[in-house]
Amino acid sequence: MDRVALRGLKARGHHGVFEHERREGQDFFVDLVLGLDTAPAAATDDLTRTVHYGVVAEEVTAVVEGEPVDLIETLAQRIADQVLGHDLVQEVEVTVHKPQAPITVPFTDVSVTITRRRP
């Protein structure tokens, strides 16, 4: 299976279990690795035979900016479900980064990574 990767998609969301996270929002970053067969697109040079990563980026941004959830695990699942809605995508790895998580000790990043496949 071939891979198409999008890294560092940035969107502002209002996710988290604390009231101030929901009220003020914060930046989230998303990395995606999509698994699909790119051979038909490569052979024909036809965008319709692959996944349009610009469209995927816009859809993922809309999910992050959309309805708030408590957990980034839930957000990652919603993103995976959205991406797997593209017929050609057979698998997706989603990493959601929350670099402004409410942690009381110094840290660089908090992230959750999930992998989902079509049945």
PDB file of N, CA and C in Angstrom:
ATOM      1  N   MET A   1       0.838  -1.177   0.000  1.00  0.00           N
ATOM      2  CA  MET A   1       0.000   0.000   0.000  1.00  0.00           C
ATOM      3  C   MET A   1       0.887   1.245   0.000  1.00  0.00           C
ATOM      4  N   ASP A   2       0.510   2.206  -0.811  1.00  0.00           N
ATOM      5  CA  ASP A   2       1.238   3.462  -0.891  1.00  0.00           C
ATOM      6  C   ASP A   2       0.777   4.393   0.222  1.00  0.00           C
ATOM      7  N   ARG A   3       1.537   5.449   0.444  1.00  0.00           N
ATOM      8  CA  ARG A   3       1.239   6.403   1.519  1.00  0.00           C
ATOM      9  C   ARG A   3       1.240   7.833   0.982  1.00  0.00           C
ATOM     10  N   VAL A   4       0.258   8.593   1.419  1.00  0.00           N
ATOM     11  CA  VAL A   4       0.209  10.031   1.185  1.00  0.00           C
ATOM     12  C   VAL A   4       0.170  10.666   2.569  1.00  0.00           C
ATOM     13  N   ALA A   5       1.110  11.556   2.849  1.00  0.00           N
ATOM     14  CA  ALA A   5       1.202  12.144   4.186  1.00  0.00           C
ATOM     15  C   ALA A   5       0.921  13.647   4.144  1.00  0.00           C
ATOM     16  N   LEU A   6       0.202  14.099   5.143  1.00  0.00           N
ATOM     17  CA  LEU A   6      -0.003  15.529   5.393  1.00  0.00           C
ATOM     18  C   LEU A   6       0.456  15.760   6.827  1.00  0.00           C
ATOM     19  N   ARG A   7       1.330  16.697   7.023  1.00  0.00           N
ATOM     20  CA  ARG A   7       1.897  16.924   8.359  1.00  0.00           C
ATOM     21  C   ARG A   7       1.683  18.375   8.797  1.00  0.00           C
ATOM     22  N   GLY A   8       1.341  18.523  10.056  1.00  0.00           N
ATOM     23  CA  GLY A   8       1.272  19.849  10.650  1.00  0.00           C
ATOM     24  C   GLY A   8       0.063  20.683  10.267  1.00  0.00           C
ATOM     25  N   LEU A   9      -1.051  20.029   9.923  1.00  0.00           N
ATOM     26  CA  LEU A   9      -2.259  20.807   9.667  1.00  0.00           C
ATOM     27  C   LEU A   9      -2.640  21.532  10.958  1.00  0.00           C
ATOM     28  N   LYS A  10      -2.867  22.822  10.873  1.00  0.00           N
ATOM     29  CA  LYS A  10      -3.148  23.625  12.064  1.00  0.00           C
ATOM     30  C   LYS A  10      -4.579  24.136  12.005  1.00  0.00           C
ATOM     31  N   ALA A  11      -5.290  23.955  13.131  1.00  0.00           N
ATOM     32  CA  ALA A  11      -6.655  24.474  13.228  1.00  0.00           C
ATOM     33  C   ALA A  11      -6.943  24.802  14.687  1.00  0.00           C
ATOM     34  N   ARG A  12      -7.793  25.771  14.881  1.00  0.00           N
ATOM     35  CA  ARG A  12      -8.172  26.171  16.239  1.00  0.00           C
ATOM     36  C   ARG A  12      -9.446  25.440  16.618  1.00  0.00           C
ATOM     37  N   GLY A  13      -9.397  24.786  17.771  1.00  0.00           N
ATOM     38  CA  GLY A  13     -10.554  24.046  18.257  1.00  0.00           C
ATOM     39  C   GLY A  13     -10.840  24.379  19.704  1.00  0.00           C
ATOM     40  N   HIS A  14     -11.974  23.923  20.171  1.00  0.00           N
ATOM     41  CA  HIS A  14     -12.422  24.180  21.543  1.00  0.00           C
ATOM     42  C   HIS A  14     -12.617  22.862  22.279  1.00  0.00           C
ATOM     43  N   HIS A  15     -11.651  21.982  22.163  1.00  0.00           N
ATOM     44  CA  HIS A  15     -11.719  20.646  22.740  1.00  0.00           C
ATOM     45  C   HIS A  15     -11.026  20.608  24.091  1.00  0.00           C
ATOM     46  N   GLY A  16     -11.547  19.780  24.978  1.00  0.00           N
ATOM     47  CA  GLY A  16     -10.940  19.608  26.287  1.00  0.00           C
ATOM     48  C   GLY A  16     -11.989  19.428  27.358  1.00  0.00           C
ATOM     49  N   VAL A  17     -11.561  18.957  28.493  1.00  0.00           N
ATOM     50  CA  VAL A  17     -12.497  18.694  29.581  1.00  0.00           C
ATOM     51  C   VAL A  17     -12.712  19.915  30.480  1.00  0.00           C
ATOM     52  N   PHE A  18     -11.856  20.917  30.364  1.00  0.00           N
ATOM     53  CA  PHE A  18     -11.972  22.086  31.227  1.00  0.00           C
ATOM     54  C   PHE A  18     -12.738  23.215  30.530  1.00  0.00           C
ATOM     55  N   GLU A  19     -13.482  23.953  31.318  1.00  0.00           N
ATOM     56  CA  GLU A  19     -14.296  25.063  30.814  1.00  0.00           C
ATOM     57  C   GLU A  19     -13.458  26.074  30.035  1.00  0.00           C
ATOM     58  N   HIS A  20     -12.281  26.426  30.546  1.00  0.00           N
ATOM     59  CA  HIS A  20     -11.465  27.424  29.848  1.00  0.00           C
ATOM     60  C   HIS A  20     -10.993  26.919  28.480  1.00  0.00           C
ATOM     61  N   GLU A  21     -10.799  25.627  28.327  1.00  0.00           N
ATOM     62  CA  GLU A  21     -10.410  25.085  27.016  1.00  0.00           C
ATOM     63  C   GLU A  21     -11.560  25.239  26.019  1.00  0.00           C
ATOM     64  N   ARG A  22     -12.760  24.970  26.491  1.00  0.00           N
ATOM     65  CA  ARG A  22     -13.932  25.102  25.630  1.00  0.00           C
ATOM     66  C   ARG A  22     -14.204  26.565  25.278  1.00  0.00           C
ATOM     67  N   ARG A  23     -14.006  27.429  26.245  1.00  0.00           N
ATOM     68  CA  ARG A  23     -14.311  28.847  26.058  1.00  0.00           C
ATOM     69  C   ARG A  23     -13.265  29.539  25.176  1.00  0.00           C
ATOM     70  N   GLU A  24     -11.999  29.353  25.510  1.00  0.00           N
ATOM     71  CA  GLU A  24     -10.926  30.096  24.844  1.00  0.00           C
ATOM     72  C   GLU A  24     -10.415  29.412  23.579  1.00  0.00           C
ATOM     73  N   GLY A  25     -10.484  28.096  23.540  1.00  0.00           N
ATOM     74  CA  GLY A  25      -9.948  27.364  22.410  1.00  0.00           C
ATOM     75  C   GLY A  25      -8.428  27.341  22.421  1.00  0.00           C
ATOM     76  N   GLN A  26      -7.869  26.577  21.506  1.00  0.00           N
ATOM     77  CA  GLN A  26      -6.420  26.478  21.370  1.00  0.00           C
ATOM     78  C   GLN A  26      -6.096  25.851  20.021  1.00  0.00           C
ATOM     79  N   ASP A  27      -4.842  25.963  19.634  1.00  0.00           N
ATOM     80  CA  ASP A  27      -4.410  25.393  18.363  1.00  0.00           C
ATOM     81  C   ASP A  27      -4.146  23.901  18.515  1.00  0.00           C
ATOM     82  N   PHE A  28      -4.606  23.156  17.538  1.00  0.00           N
ATOM     83  CA  PHE A  28      -4.337  21.726  17.422  1.00  0.00           C
ATOM     84  C   PHE A  28      -3.598  21.516  16.110  1.00  0.00           C
ATOM     85  N   PHE A  29      -2.741  20.517  16.087  1.00  0.00           N
ATOM     86  CA  PHE A  29      -2.014  20.159  14.883  1.00  0.00           C
ATOM     87  C   PHE A  29      -2.318  18.706  14.569  1.00  0.00           C
ATOM     88  N   VAL A  30      -2.482  18.409  13.291  1.00  0.00           N
ATOM     89  CA  VAL A  30      -2.849  17.058  12.872  1.00  0.00           C
ATOM     90  C   VAL A  30      -1.873  16.582  11.811  1.00  0.00           C
ATOM     91  N   ASP A  31      -1.405  15.353  12.001  1.00  0.00           N
ATOM     92  CA  ASP A  31      -0.597  14.658  10.997  1.00  0.00           C
ATOM     93  C   ASP A  31      -1.428  13.488  10.487  1.00  0.00           C
ATOM     94  N   LEU A  32      -1.392  13.279   9.184  1.00  0.00           N
ATOM     95  CA  LEU A  32      -2.131  12.185   8.566  1.00  0.00           C
ATOM     96  C   LEU A  32      -1.205  11.385   7.671  1.00  0.00           C
ATOM     97  N   VAL A  33      -1.391  10.081   7.676  1.00  0.00           N
ATOM     98  CA  VAL A  33      -0.770   9.209   6.691  1.00  0.00           C
ATOM     99  C   VAL A  33      -1.890   8.346   6.128  1.00  0.00           C
ATOM    100  N   LEU A  34      -2.174   8.538   4.843  1.00  0.00           N
ATOM    101  CA  LEU A  34      -3.253   7.816   4.183  1.00  0.00           C
ATOM    102  C   LEU A  34      -2.683   6.650   3.402  1.00  0.00           C
ATOM    103  N   GLY A  35      -3.291   5.509   3.536  1.00  0.00           N
ATOM    104  CA  GLY A  35      -2.878   4.326   2.790  1.00  0.00           C
ATOM    105  C   GLY A  35      -3.828   4.076   1.632  1.00  0.00           C
ATOM    106  N   LEU A  36      -3.278   4.048   0.433  1.00  0.00           N
ATOM    107  CA  LEU A  36      -4.076   3.803  -0.760  1.00  0.00           C
ATOM    108  C   LEU A  36      -3.161   3.360  -1.889  1.00  0.00           C
ATOM    109  N   ASP A  37      -3.762   2.867  -2.952  1.00  0.00           N
ATOM    110  CA  ASP A  37      -3.001   2.469  -4.129  1.00  0.00           C
ATOM    111  C   ASP A  37      -2.913   3.671  -5.067  1.00  0.00           C
ATOM    112  N   THR A  38      -1.723   4.225  -5.217  1.00  0.00           N
ATOM    113  CA  THR A  38      -1.556   5.392  -6.090  1.00  0.00           C
ATOM    114  C   THR A  38      -1.175   5.009  -7.528  1.00  0.00           C
ATOM    115  N   ALA A  39      -1.016   3.726  -7.794  1.00  0.00           N
ATOM    116  CA  ALA A  39      -0.594   3.293  -9.132  1.00  0.00           C
ATOM    117  C   ALA A  39      -1.558   3.739 -10.233  1.00  0.00           C
ATOM    118  N   PRO A  40      -2.881   3.608 -10.056  1.00  0.00           N
ATOM    119  CA  PRO A  40      -3.778   4.062 -11.130  1.00  0.00           C
ATOM    120  C   PRO A  40      -3.629   5.551 -11.432  1.00  0.00           C
ATOM    121  N   ALA A  41      -3.446   6.372 -10.420  1.00  0.00           N
ATOM    122  CA  ALA A  41      -3.261   7.806 -10.646  1.00  0.00           C
ATOM    123  C   ALA A  41      -1.926   8.072 -11.325  1.00  0.00           C
ATOM    124  N   ALA A  42      -0.884   7.381 -10.890  1.00  0.00           N
ATOM    125  CA  ALA A  42       0.438   7.581 -11.479  1.00  0.00           C
ATOM    126  C   ALA A  42       0.455   7.163 -12.950  1.00  0.00           C
ATOM    127  N   ALA A  43      -0.239   6.088 -13.267  1.00  0.00           N
ATOM    128  CA  ALA A  43      -0.253   5.589 -14.649  1.00  0.00           C
ATOM    129  C   ALA A  43      -1.016   6.509 -15.592  1.00  0.00           C
ATOM    130  N   THR A  44      -2.019   7.198 -15.064  1.00  0.00           N
ATOM    131  CA  THR A  44      -2.875   8.021 -15.921  1.00  0.00           C
ATOM    132  C   THR A  44      -2.688   9.518 -15.713  1.00  0.00           C
ATOM    133  N   ASP A  45      -1.937   9.895 -14.665  1.00  0.00           N
ATOM    134  CA  ASP A  45      -1.753  11.294 -14.288  1.00  0.00           C
ATOM    135  C   ASP A  45      -3.106  11.977 -14.077  1.00  0.00           C
ATOM    136  N   ASP A  46      -4.017  11.241 -13.419  1.00  0.00           N
ATOM    137  CA  ASP A  46      -5.401  11.664 -13.261  1.00  0.00           C
ATOM    138  C   ASP A  46      -5.728  11.823 -11.786  1.00  0.00           C
ATOM    139  N   LEU A  47      -6.025  13.043 -11.368  1.00  0.00           N
ATOM    140  CA  LEU A  47      -6.333  13.342  -9.971  1.00  0.00           C
ATOM    141  C   LEU A  47      -7.537  12.563  -9.459  1.00  0.00           C
ATOM    142  N   THR A  48      -8.473  12.247 -10.327  1.00  0.00           N
ATOM    143  CA  THR A  48      -9.677  11.530  -9.876  1.00  0.00           C
ATOM    144  C   THR A  48      -9.387  10.080  -9.491  1.00  0.00           C
ATOM    145  N   ARG A  49      -8.177   9.611  -9.760  1.00  0.00           N
ATOM    146  CA  ARG A  49      -7.823   8.221  -9.439  1.00  0.00           C
ATOM    147  C   ARG A  49      -6.964   8.123  -8.185  1.00  0.00           C
ATOM    148  N   THR A  50      -6.940   9.228  -7.428  1.00  0.00           N
ATOM    149  CA  THR A  50      -6.232   9.258  -6.150  1.00  0.00           C
ATOM    150  C   THR A  50      -7.057  10.086  -5.178  1.00  0.00           C
ATOM    151  N   VAL A  51      -6.504  10.363  -4.026  1.00  0.00           N
ATOM    152  CA  VAL A  51      -7.192  11.211  -3.051  1.00  0.00           C
ATOM    153  C   VAL A  51      -6.665  12.639  -3.201  1.00  0.00           C
ATOM    154  N   HIS A  52      -7.571  13.586  -3.201  1.00  0.00           N
ATOM    155  CA  HIS A  52      -7.206  14.997  -3.327  1.00  0.00           C
ATOM    156  C   HIS A  52      -6.822  15.489  -1.934  1.00  0.00           C
ATOM    157  N   TYR A  53      -5.519  15.611  -1.676  1.00  0.00           N
ATOM    158  CA  TYR A  53      -5.078  15.931  -0.318  1.00  0.00           C
ATOM    159  C   TYR A  53      -5.468  17.341   0.105  1.00  0.00           C
ATOM    160  N   GLY A  54      -5.699  18.227  -0.834  1.00  0.00           N
ATOM    161  CA  GLY A  54      -6.189  19.564  -0.488  1.00  0.00           C
ATOM    162  C   GLY A  54      -7.596  19.507   0.094  1.00  0.00           C
ATOM    163  N   VAL A  55      -8.428  18.670  -0.492  1.00  0.00           N
ATOM    164  CA  VAL A  55      -9.788  18.476   0.029  1.00  0.00           C
ATOM    165  C   VAL A  55      -9.736  17.817   1.400  1.00  0.00           C
ATOM    166  N   VAL A  56      -8.886  16.802   1.541  1.00  0.00           N
ATOM    167  CA  VAL A  56      -8.747  16.126   2.837  1.00  0.00           C
ATOM    168  C   VAL A  56      -8.309  17.138   3.902  1.00  0.00           C
ATOM    169  N   ALA A  57      -7.364  17.985   3.599  1.00  0.00           N
ATOM    170  CA  ALA A  57      -6.881  18.985   4.556  1.00  0.00           C
ATOM    171  C   ALA A  57      -8.009  19.910   4.998  1.00  0.00           C
ATOM    172  N   GLU A  58      -8.826  20.355   4.057  1.00  0.00           N
ATOM    173  CA  GLU A  58      -9.950  21.225   4.396  1.00  0.00           C
ATOM    174  C   GLU A  58     -10.964  20.499   5.271  1.00  0.00           C
ATOM    175  N   GLU A  59     -11.244  19.245   4.962  1.00  0.00           N
ATOM    176  CA  GLU A  59     -12.200  18.466   5.753  1.00  0.00           C
ATOM    177  C   GLU A  59     -11.707  18.243   7.174  1.00  0.00           C
ATOM    178  N   VAL A  60     -10.438  17.915   7.317  1.00  0.00           N
ATOM    179  CA  VAL A  60      -9.862  17.679   8.646  1.00  0.00           C
ATOM    180  C   VAL A  60      -9.871  18.964   9.461  1.00  0.00           C
ATOM    181  N   THR A  61      -9.545  20.067   8.840  1.00  0.00           N
ATOM    182  CA  THR A  61      -9.594  21.359   9.525  1.00  0.00           C
ATOM    183  C   THR A  61     -11.012  21.645  10.013  1.00  0.00           C
ATOM    184  N   ALA A  62     -11.997  21.345   9.196  1.00  0.00           N
ATOM    185  CA  ALA A  62     -13.397  21.562   9.591  1.00  0.00           C
ATOM    186  C   ALA A  62     -13.774  20.693  10.789  1.00  0.00           C
ATOM    187  N   VAL A  63     -13.264  19.467  10.857  1.00  0.00           N
ATOM    188  CA  VAL A  63     -13.536  18.608  12.008  1.00  0.00           C
ATOM    189  C   VAL A  63     -12.938  19.219  13.274  1.00  0.00           C
ATOM    190  N   VAL A  64     -11.692  19.654  13.195  1.00  0.00           N
ATOM    191  CA  VAL A  64     -11.032  20.251  14.370  1.00  0.00           C
ATOM    192  C   VAL A  64     -11.756  21.520  14.802  1.00  0.00           C
ATOM    193  N   GLU A  65     -12.200  22.320  13.863  1.00  0.00           N
ATOM    194  CA  GLU A  65     -12.870  23.579  14.175  1.00  0.00           C
ATOM    195  C   GLU A  65     -14.339  23.373  14.543  1.00  0.00           C
ATOM    196  N   GLY A  66     -14.822  22.152  14.384  1.00  0.00           N
ATOM    197  CA  GLY A  66     -16.230  21.850  14.593  1.00  0.00           C
ATOM    198  C   GLY A  66     -16.598  21.558  16.035  1.00  0.00           C
ATOM    199  N   GLU A  67     -17.583  20.689  16.192  1.00  0.00           N
ATOM    200  CA  GLU A  67     -18.165  20.380  17.499  1.00  0.00           C
ATOM    201  C   GLU A  67     -17.113  19.938  18.514  1.00  0.00           C
ATOM    202  N   PRO A  68     -17.077  20.593  19.663  1.00  0.00           N
ATOM    203  CA  PRO A  68     -16.078  20.253  20.684  1.00  0.00           C
ATOM    204  C   PRO A  68     -16.294  18.857  21.272  1.00  0.00           C
ATOM    205  N   VAL A  69     -15.172  18.240  21.639  1.00  0.00           N
ATOM    206  CA  VAL A  69     -15.177  16.961  22.354  1.00  0.00           C
ATOM    207  C   VAL A  69     -14.258  17.103  23.558  1.00  0.00           C
ATOM    208  N   ASP A  70     -14.409  16.211  24.509  1.00  0.00           N
ATOM    209  CA  ASP A  70     -13.556  16.250  25.692  1.00  0.00           C
ATOM    210  C   ASP A  70     -12.145  15.753  25.397  1.00  0.00           C
ATOM    211  N   LEU A  71     -12.041  14.664  24.627  1.00  0.00           N
ATOM    212  CA  LEU A  71     -10.771  13.953  24.465  1.00  0.00           C
ATOM    213  C   LEU A  71     -10.204  14.086  23.064  1.00  0.00           C
ATOM    214  N   ILE A  72      -8.872  14.194  22.974  1.00  0.00           N
ATOM    215  CA  ILE A  72      -8.264  14.192  21.642  1.00  0.00           C
ATOM    216  C   ILE A  72      -8.351  12.807  21.013  1.00  0.00           C
ATOM    217  N   GLU A  73      -8.564  11.780  21.812  1.00  0.00           N
ATOM    218  CA  GLU A  73      -8.811  10.446  21.250  1.00  0.00           C
ATOM    219  C   GLU A  73     -10.090  10.455  20.414  1.00  0.00           C
ATOM    220  N   THR A  74     -11.112  11.121  20.923  1.00  0.00           N
ATOM    221  CA  THR A  74     -12.377  11.232  20.193  1.00  0.00           C
ATOM    222  C   THR A  74     -12.190  12.067  18.937  1.00  0.00           C
ATOM    223  N   LEU A  75     -11.443  13.144  19.051  1.00  0.00           N
ATOM    224  CA  LEU A  75     -11.171  13.990  17.891  1.00  0.00           C
ATOM    225  C   LEU A  75     -10.425  13.207  16.819  1.00  0.00           C
ATOM    226  N   ALA A  76      -9.431  12.433  17.217  1.00  0.00           N
ATOM    227  CA  ALA A  76      -8.686  11.609  16.255  1.00  0.00           C
ATOM    228  C   ALA A  76      -9.614  10.621  15.553  1.00  0.00           C
ATOM    229  N   GLN A  77     -10.537  10.017  16.280  1.00  0.00           N
ATOM    230  CA  GLN A  77     -11.480   9.072  15.673  1.00  0.00           C
ATOM    231  C   GLN A  77     -12.387   9.771  14.662  1.00  0.00           C
ATOM    232  N   ARG A  78     -12.859  10.950  15.004  1.00  0.00           N
ATOM    233  CA  ARG A  78     -13.709  11.701  14.071  1.00  0.00           C
ATOM    234  C   ARG A  78     -12.946  12.039  12.792  1.00  0.00           C
ATOM    235  N   ILE A  79     -11.694  12.392  12.945  1.00  0.00           N
ATOM    236  CA  ILE A  79     -10.867  12.693  11.770  1.00  0.00           C
ATOM    237  C   ILE A  79     -10.685  11.436  10.930  1.00  0.00           C
ATOM    238  N   ALA A  80     -10.374  10.316  11.574  1.00  0.00           N
ATOM    239  CA  ALA A  80     -10.204   9.054  10.843  1.00  0.00           C
ATOM    240  C   ALA A  80     -11.471   8.691  10.084  1.00  0.00           C
ATOM    241  N   ASP A  81     -12.618   8.835  10.732  1.00  0.00           N
ATOM    242  CA  ASP A  81     -13.888   8.527  10.063  1.00  0.00           C
ATOM    243  C   ASP A  81     -14.093   9.402   8.834  1.00  0.00           C
ATOM    244  N   GLN A  82     -13.763  10.677   8.944  1.00  0.00           N
ATOM    245  CA  GLN A  82     -13.903  11.600   7.819  1.00  0.00           C
ATOM    246  C   GLN A  82     -12.997  11.182   6.656  1.00  0.00           C
ATOM    247  N   VAL A  83     -11.749  10.876   6.961  1.00  0.00           N
ATOM    248  CA  VAL A  83     -10.794  10.520   5.908  1.00  0.00           C
ATOM    249  C   VAL A  83     -11.170   9.195   5.251  1.00  0.00           C
ATOM    250  N   LEU A  84     -11.615   8.230   6.041  1.00  0.00           N
ATOM    251  CA  LEU A  84     -12.010   6.938   5.471  1.00  0.00           C
ATOM    252  C   LEU A  84     -13.291   7.034   4.651  1.00  0.00           C
ATOM    253  N   GLY A  85     -13.942   8.182   4.684  1.00  0.00           N
ATOM    254  CA  GLY A  85     -15.087   8.413   3.814  1.00  0.00           C
ATOM    255  C   GLY A  85     -14.695   8.561   2.349  1.00  0.00           C
ATOM    256  N   HIS A  86     -13.418   8.721   2.082  1.00  0.00           N
ATOM    257  CA  HIS A  86     -12.920   8.765   0.705  1.00  0.00           C
ATOM    258  C   HIS A  86     -12.728   7.326   0.239  1.00  0.00           C
ATOM    259  N   ASP A  87     -13.412   6.955  -0.817  1.00  0.00           N
ATOM    260  CA  ASP A  87     -13.448   5.558  -1.264  1.00  0.00           C
ATOM    261  C   ASP A  87     -12.080   4.938  -1.486  1.00  0.00           C
ATOM    262  N   LEU A  88     -11.134   5.691  -1.980  1.00  0.00           N
ATOM    263  CA  LEU A  88      -9.832   5.123  -2.312  1.00  0.00           C
ATOM    264  C   LEU A  88      -8.924   4.926  -1.101  1.00  0.00           C
ATOM    265  N   VAL A  89      -9.226   5.593   0.006  1.00  0.00           N
ATOM    266  CA  VAL A  89      -8.392   5.484   1.208  1.00  0.00           C
ATOM    267  C   VAL A  89      -8.748   4.196   1.938  1.00  0.00           C
ATOM    268  N   GLN A  90      -7.773   3.325   2.077  1.00  0.00           N
ATOM    269  CA  GLN A  90      -7.979   2.034   2.737  1.00  0.00           C
ATOM    270  C   GLN A  90      -7.573   2.056   4.207  1.00  0.00           C
ATOM    271  N   GLU A  91      -6.708   2.996   4.556  1.00  0.00           N
ATOM    272  CA  GLU A  91      -6.148   3.053   5.910  1.00  0.00           C
ATOM    273  C   GLU A  91      -5.738   4.486   6.193  1.00  0.00           C
ATOM    274  N   VAL A  92      -5.817   4.869   7.463  1.00  0.00           N
ATOM    275  CA  VAL A  92      -5.342   6.199   7.837  1.00  0.00           C
ATOM    276  C   VAL A  92      -4.710   6.140   9.226  1.00  0.00           C
ATOM    277  N   GLU A  93      -3.588   6.820   9.353  1.00  0.00           N
ATOM    278  CA  GLU A  93      -2.974   7.048  10.650  1.00  0.00           C
ATOM    279  C   GLU A  93      -3.172   8.522  10.960  1.00  0.00           C
ATOM    280  N   VAL A  94      -3.743   8.800  12.113  1.00  0.00           N
ATOM    281  CA  VAL A  94      -4.045  10.164  12.533  1.00  0.00           C
ATOM    282  C   VAL A  94      -3.301  10.450  13.828  1.00  0.00           C
ATOM    283  N   THR A  95      -2.553  11.538  13.849  1.00  0.00           N
ATOM    284  CA  THR A  95      -1.946  12.023  15.084  1.00  0.00           C
ATOM    285  C   THR A  95      -2.493  13.411  15.359  1.00  0.00           C
ATOM    286  N   VAL A  96      -3.080  13.573  16.538  1.00  0.00           N
ATOM    287  CA  VAL A  96      -3.580  14.873  16.971  1.00  0.00           C
ATOM    288  C   VAL A  96      -2.637  15.369  18.062  1.00  0.00           C
ATOM    289  N   HIS A  97      -2.083  16.554  17.836  1.00  0.00           N
ATOM    290  CA  HIS A  97      -1.170  17.189  18.790  1.00  0.00           C
ATOM    291  C   HIS A  97      -1.923  18.296  19.526  1.00  0.00           C
ATOM    292  N   LYS A  98      -1.711  18.357  20.829  1.00  0.00           N
ATOM    293  CA  LYS A  98      -2.310  19.400  21.664  1.00  0.00           C
ATOM    294  C   LYS A  98      -1.185  20.056  22.476  1.00  0.00           C
ATOM    295  N   PRO A  99      -0.414  20.933  21.836  1.00  0.00           N
ATOM    296  CA  PRO A  99       0.766  21.498  22.497  1.00  0.00           C
ATOM    297  C   PRO A  99       0.460  22.476  23.629  1.00  0.00           C
ATOM    298  N   GLN A 100      -0.788  22.901  23.735  1.00  0.00           N
ATOM    299  CA  GLN A 100      -1.162  23.813  24.818  1.00  0.00           C
ATOM    300  C   GLN A 100      -2.028  23.108  25.856  1.00  0.00           C
ATOM    301  N   ALA A 101      -1.869  21.811  25.983  1.00  0.00           N
ATOM    302  CA  ALA A 101      -2.657  21.035  26.949  1.00  0.00           C
ATOM    303  C   ALA A 101      -2.434  21.582  28.362  1.00  0.00           C
ATOM    304  N   PRO A 102      -3.460  21.503  29.194  1.00  0.00           N
ATOM    305  CA  PRO A 102      -3.338  22.041  30.554  1.00  0.00           C
ATOM    306  C   PRO A 102      -2.559  21.096  31.472  1.00  0.00           C
ATOM    307  N   ILE A 103      -1.253  21.155  31.344  1.00  0.00           N
ATOM    308  CA  ILE A 103      -0.354  20.326  32.146  1.00  0.00           C
ATOM    309  C   ILE A 103       0.496  21.272  32.987  1.00  0.00           C
ATOM    310  N   THR A 104       0.713  20.918  34.244  1.00  0.00           N
ATOM    311  CA  THR A 104       1.377  21.843  35.169  1.00  0.00           C
ATOM    312  C   THR A 104       2.895  21.749  35.176  1.00  0.00           C
ATOM    313  N   VAL A 105       3.471  20.860  34.388  1.00  0.00           N
ATOM    314  CA  VAL A 105       4.927  20.740  34.315  1.00  0.00           C
ATOM    315  C   VAL A 105       5.368  21.086  32.900  1.00  0.00           C
ATOM    316  N   PRO A 106       6.620  21.498  32.715  1.00  0.00           N
ATOM    317  CA  PRO A 106       7.096  21.831  31.368  1.00  0.00           C
ATOM    318  C   PRO A 106       6.988  20.626  30.425  1.00  0.00           C
ATOM    319  N   PHE A 107       6.527  20.890  29.204  1.00  0.00           N
ATOM    320  CA  PHE A 107       6.412  19.842  28.191  1.00  0.00           C
ATOM    321  C   PHE A 107       6.423  20.481  26.814  1.00  0.00           C
ATOM    322  N   THR A 108       6.658  19.692  25.822  1.00  0.00           N
ATOM    323  CA  THR A 108       6.690  20.182  24.452  1.00  0.00           C
ATOM    324  C   THR A 108       5.392  19.899  23.710  1.00  0.00           C
ATOM    325  N   ASP A 109       4.827  18.705  23.921  1.00  0.00           N
ATOM    326  CA  ASP A 109       3.669  18.303  23.135  1.00  0.00           C
ATOM    327  C   ASP A 109       2.961  17.153  23.827  1.00  0.00           C
ATOM    328  N   VAL A 110       1.687  17.057  23.586  1.00  0.00           N
ATOM    329  CA  VAL A 110       0.889  15.888  23.928  1.00  0.00           C
ATOM    330  C   VAL A 110       0.226  15.461  22.636  1.00  0.00           C
ATOM    331  N   SER A 111       0.263  14.178  22.332  1.00  0.00           N
ATOM    332  CA  SER A 111      -0.380  13.722  21.103  1.00  0.00           C
ATOM    333  C   SER A 111      -0.979  12.339  21.292  1.00  0.00           C
ATOM    334  N   VAL A 112      -1.952  12.058  20.457  1.00  0.00           N
ATOM    335  CA  VAL A 112      -2.564  10.732  20.377  1.00  0.00           C
ATOM    336  C   VAL A 112      -2.477  10.312  18.920  1.00  0.00           C
ATOM    337  N   THR A 113      -2.051   9.075  18.694  1.00  0.00           N
ATOM    338  CA  THR A 113      -1.981   8.523  17.341  1.00  0.00           C
ATOM    339  C   THR A 113      -2.854   7.284  17.268  1.00  0.00           C
ATOM    340  N   ILE A 114      -3.708   7.248  16.250  1.00  0.00           N
ATOM    341  CA  ILE A 114      -4.542   6.071  16.011  1.00  0.00           C
ATOM    342  C   ILE A 114      -4.375   5.636  14.553  1.00  0.00           C
ATOM    343  N   THR A 115      -4.602   4.364  14.314  1.00  0.00           N
ATOM    344  CA  THR A 115      -4.619   3.831  12.940  1.00  0.00           C
ATOM    345  C   THR A 115      -5.948   3.124  12.745  1.00  0.00           C
ATOM    346  N   ARG A 116      -6.630   3.443  11.668  1.00  0.00           N
ATOM    347  CA  ARG A 116      -7.913   2.808  11.348  1.00  0.00           C
ATOM    348  C   ARG A 116      -7.865   2.312   9.910  1.00  0.00           C
ATOM    349  N   ARG A 117      -8.494   1.156   9.704  1.00  0.00           N
ATOM    350  CA  ARG A 117      -8.548   0.540   8.372  1.00  0.00           C
ATOM    351  C   ARG A 117      -9.984   0.216   7.997  1.00  0.00           C
ATOM    352  N   ARG A 118     -10.203   0.140   6.716  1.00  0.00           N
ATOM    353  CA  ARG A 118     -11.501  -0.355   6.256  1.00  0.00           C
ATOM    354  C   ARG A 118     -11.619  -1.825   6.640  1.00  0.00           C
ATOM    355  N   PRO A 119     -12.811  -2.252   6.966  1.00  0.00           N
ATOM    356  CA  PRO A 119     -12.977  -3.698   7.297  1.00  0.00           C
ATOM    357  C   PRO A 119     -12.687  -4.594   6.114  1.00  0.00           C
TER     358      PRO A 119
END
